[in-house]
Amino acid sequence: MEAAEFILKTQRLRLRQFSLDDADFMLRLLNDPGWLRFIGDRGVTNLVQAQDYLQNGALENYRRLGFGFYAILTNDSIVPIGMCGLTKRDYLDAPDLGFALLAQYEGQGLAFEAATACLQFAQHELQLSRVLATTRLDNERSAKLLEKLGMRFKENILHPDGDRYLKLYEIGF
């Protein structure tokens, strides 16, 4: 992979756009216990469904929005360890930040490092004036990370599915 394909670089990480070749990784991430608990079951159980998830999610967002979720890789690996980036949800009035790591990479400051780079990208490259983020009420680790990033808790909102509340965070630039 050429260096030009990486959207963002940090001290320990590189972030790049997803491709359909990442379906095996996405299948693992979508079925990671942390994803299932704090983000939710997407019903993706095979590689074809994982490719569809990528096609209709990240790849569509790159085309439609000019940004999306990016694969996180460590500087010494070509295998993704997580994802981080921005999306635009219908029920929010600004793009929102999201992140997820495979369980074995949690607790090392990698999500903070990737999310910091994504917020800088949002401000300087995308020239966004604000970014939102949501997390489930019981996801204390993500809430602490969002606060460490400088995001402020705004309010609890009802998810459009109507089955849960989310904490809504905001940062302005």
Protein backbone atom coordinates (compact mmCIF):
# COMPACT_ATOMS: atom_id res chain seq x y z
CA MET A 1 0.00 0.00 0.00
CA GLU A 2 1.38 3.40 -0.94
CA ALA A 3 1.78 6.12 1.65
CA ALA A 4 -0.49 8.41 -0.38
CA GLU A 5 -3.44 6.14 0.42
CA PHE A 6 -3.30 7.04 4.10
CA ILE A 7 -5.67 9.87 5.02
CA LEU A 8 -4.15 10.52 8.45
CA LYS A 9 -0.96 9.66 10.29
CA THR A 10 -0.17 9.92 13.98
CA GLN A 11 2.78 8.92 16.11
CA ARG A 12 1.66 5.27 16.26
CA LEU A 13 -1.12 4.97 13.70
CA ARG A 14 -2.14 5.35 10.07
CA LEU A 15 -5.73 5.76 8.93
CA ARG A 16 -6.91 4.93 5.43
CA GLN A 17 -10.14 4.51 3.56
CA PHE A 18 -11.77 1.11 3.74
CA SER A 19 -12.05 -1.07 0.66
CA LEU A 20 -14.03 -4.23 -0.04
CA ASP A 21 -10.79 -6.12 0.69
CA ASP A 22 -11.35 -5.24 4.37
CA ALA A 23 -14.46 -7.42 4.63
CA ASP A 24 -12.72 -10.06 6.77
CA PHE A 25 -11.60 -7.42 9.26
CA MET A 26 -15.03 -5.78 9.29
CA LEU A 27 -16.67 -9.14 9.96
CA ARG A 28 -14.39 -9.55 13.02
CA LEU A 29 -15.01 -6.01 14.28
CA LEU A 30 -18.79 -6.12 13.87
CA ASN A 31 -18.88 -9.32 15.92
CA ASP A 32 -16.41 -8.23 18.60
CA PRO A 33 -18.06 -8.41 22.06
CA GLY A 34 -17.45 -4.69 22.69
CA TRP A 35 -19.08 -3.72 19.38
CA LEU A 36 -22.08 -5.93 20.05
CA ARG A 37 -22.53 -4.53 23.57
CA PHE A 38 -21.97 -0.82 22.97
CA ILE A 39 -22.78 -0.27 19.29
CA GLY A 40 -25.16 -3.07 18.45
CA ASP A 41 -25.60 -6.20 16.37
CA ARG A 42 -25.64 -5.35 12.67
CA GLY A 43 -26.59 -8.91 11.68
CA VAL A 44 -23.38 -9.33 9.66
CA THR A 45 -22.37 -13.00 9.86
CA ASN A 46 -20.41 -13.67 6.65
CA LEU A 47 -18.00 -12.02 4.22
CA VAL A 48 -20.66 -11.14 1.64
CA GLN A 49 -22.66 -9.28 4.29
CA ALA A 50 -19.45 -7.58 5.49
CA GLN A 51 -18.75 -6.38 1.94
CA ASP A 52 -22.31 -5.06 1.69
CA TYR A 53 -21.86 -3.29 5.03
CA LEU A 54 -18.71 -1.60 3.75
CA GLN A 55 -20.26 -0.77 0.37
CA ASN A 56 -23.39 0.78 1.84
CA GLY A 57 -21.59 2.46 4.75
CA ALA A 58 -18.03 3.74 4.56
CA LEU A 59 -17.62 3.51 0.78
CA GLU A 60 -20.95 5.23 0.12
CA ASN A 61 -20.06 7.98 2.62
CA TYR A 62 -16.73 8.69 0.91
CA ARG A 63 -18.63 9.17 -2.35
CA ARG A 64 -21.60 11.08 -0.95
CA LEU A 65 -20.04 13.10 1.90
CA GLY A 66 -16.33 13.19 1.11
CA PHE A 67 -15.54 11.60 4.49
CA GLY A 68 -16.42 8.51 6.49
CA PHE A 69 -15.00 5.91 8.81
CA TYR A 70 -11.37 4.95 8.24
CA ALA A 71 -9.44 1.77 8.96
CA ILE A 72 -6.91 2.20 11.79
CA LEU A 73 -3.57 0.46 11.34
CA THR A 74 -0.52 0.56 13.58
CA ASN A 75 2.62 1.90 11.91
CA ASP A 76 4.19 -1.56 11.95
CA SER A 77 1.26 -3.53 10.49
CA ILE A 78 -0.85 -3.77 7.37
CA VAL A 79 -3.79 -5.33 9.25
CA PRO A 80 -6.52 -3.01 10.59
CA ILE A 81 -7.07 -2.92 14.35
CA GLY A 82 -10.14 -0.70 14.40
CA MET A 83 -12.00 2.15 12.78
CA CYS A 84 -12.46 5.84 13.44
CA GLY A 85 -13.97 8.71 11.53
CA LEU A 86 -17.03 10.76 10.83
CA THR A 87 -20.47 10.09 9.48
CA LYS A 88 -23.66 12.07 9.07
CA ARG A 89 -26.67 10.49 10.71
CA ASP A 90 -30.19 11.55 9.74
CA TYR A 91 -31.16 12.20 13.36
CA LEU A 92 -28.23 14.54 14.12
CA ASP A 93 -27.75 18.05 12.73
CA ALA A 94 -23.95 17.80 12.32
CA PRO A 95 -21.42 15.09 11.46
CA ASP A 96 -20.56 12.79 14.32
CA LEU A 97 -17.39 11.07 15.42
CA GLY A 98 -17.25 7.33 15.93
CA PHE A 99 -14.56 4.84 16.85
CA ALA A 100 -14.17 1.15 17.64
CA LEU A 101 -11.17 -1.09 18.25
CA LEU A 102 -10.81 -4.83 18.45
CA ALA A 103 -10.73 -5.77 22.15
CA GLN A 104 -7.01 -6.61 22.26
CA TYR A 105 -6.12 -3.02 21.25
CA GLU A 106 -8.26 -1.23 23.83
CA GLY A 107 -6.76 0.58 26.81
CA GLN A 108 -3.58 1.71 25.03
CA GLY A 109 -4.65 5.24 24.06
CA LEU A 110 -5.04 4.26 20.40
CA ALA A 111 -8.71 5.31 20.11
CA PHE A 112 -7.82 8.70 21.63
CA GLU A 113 -4.93 9.11 19.19
CA ALA A 114 -7.07 8.20 16.17
CA ALA A 115 -10.03 10.33 17.31
CA THR A 116 -7.77 13.34 17.93
CA ALA A 117 -6.47 13.05 14.36
CA CYS A 118 -10.02 12.75 13.02
CA LEU A 119 -11.17 15.85 14.89
CA GLN A 120 -8.16 17.81 13.55
CA PHE A 121 -9.05 16.56 10.06
CA ALA A 122 -12.66 17.65 10.57
CA GLN A 123 -11.59 21.12 11.63
CA HIS A 124 -8.71 21.84 9.27
CA GLU A 125 -9.37 19.78 6.14
CA LEU A 126 -13.15 19.48 6.11
CA GLN A 127 -13.57 22.91 7.73
CA LEU A 128 -16.45 21.77 9.91
CA SER A 129 -17.55 24.20 12.62
CA ARG A 130 -18.70 21.47 15.02
CA VAL A 131 -18.74 17.72 15.48
CA LEU A 132 -21.07 15.58 17.57
CA ALA A 133 -20.68 12.14 19.11
CA THR A 134 -23.04 9.73 20.82
CA THR A 135 -22.54 6.86 23.16
CA ARG A 136 -24.82 4.53 25.05
CA LEU A 137 -25.58 5.57 28.61
CA ASP A 138 -23.59 2.69 30.09
CA ASN A 139 -20.50 3.12 27.89
CA GLU A 140 -18.39 4.95 30.46
CA ARG A 141 -15.06 4.37 28.68
CA SER A 142 -16.25 6.04 25.49
CA ALA A 143 -17.82 8.90 27.44
CA LYS A 144 -14.51 9.52 29.23
CA LEU A 145 -12.64 9.43 25.93
CA LEU A 146 -15.04 11.96 24.38
CA GLU A 147 -14.56 14.28 27.36
CA LYS A 148 -10.78 13.86 27.14
CA LEU A 149 -11.05 14.95 23.49
CA GLY A 150 -12.64 18.19 24.67
CA MET A 151 -16.20 17.26 23.75
CA ARG A 152 -18.93 18.52 26.07
CA PHE A 153 -21.96 16.52 27.16
CA LYS A 154 -25.01 18.23 25.70
CA GLU A 155 -28.02 16.04 26.55
CA ASN A 156 -29.48 12.56 26.50
CA ILE A 157 -31.40 11.84 23.30
CA LEU A 158 -33.71 9.03 22.31
CA HIS A 159 -32.27 6.86 19.53
CA PRO A 160 -34.58 6.89 16.46
CA ASP A 161 -35.27 3.18 17.00
CA GLY A 162 -36.94 4.26 20.25
CA ASP A 163 -35.32 1.46 22.22
CA ARG A 164 -32.52 3.33 24.04
CA TYR A 165 -31.16 6.68 25.06
CA LEU A 166 -27.79 8.02 23.97
CA LYS A 167 -25.51 10.62 25.50
CA LEU A 168 -24.92 13.41 22.98
CA TYR A 169 -21.58 15.23 22.99
CA GLU A 170 -20.45 18.26 21.02
CA ILE A 171 -17.27 20.13 20.18
CA GLY A 172 -17.06 23.41 18.28
CA PHE A 173 -14.10 24.75 16.37
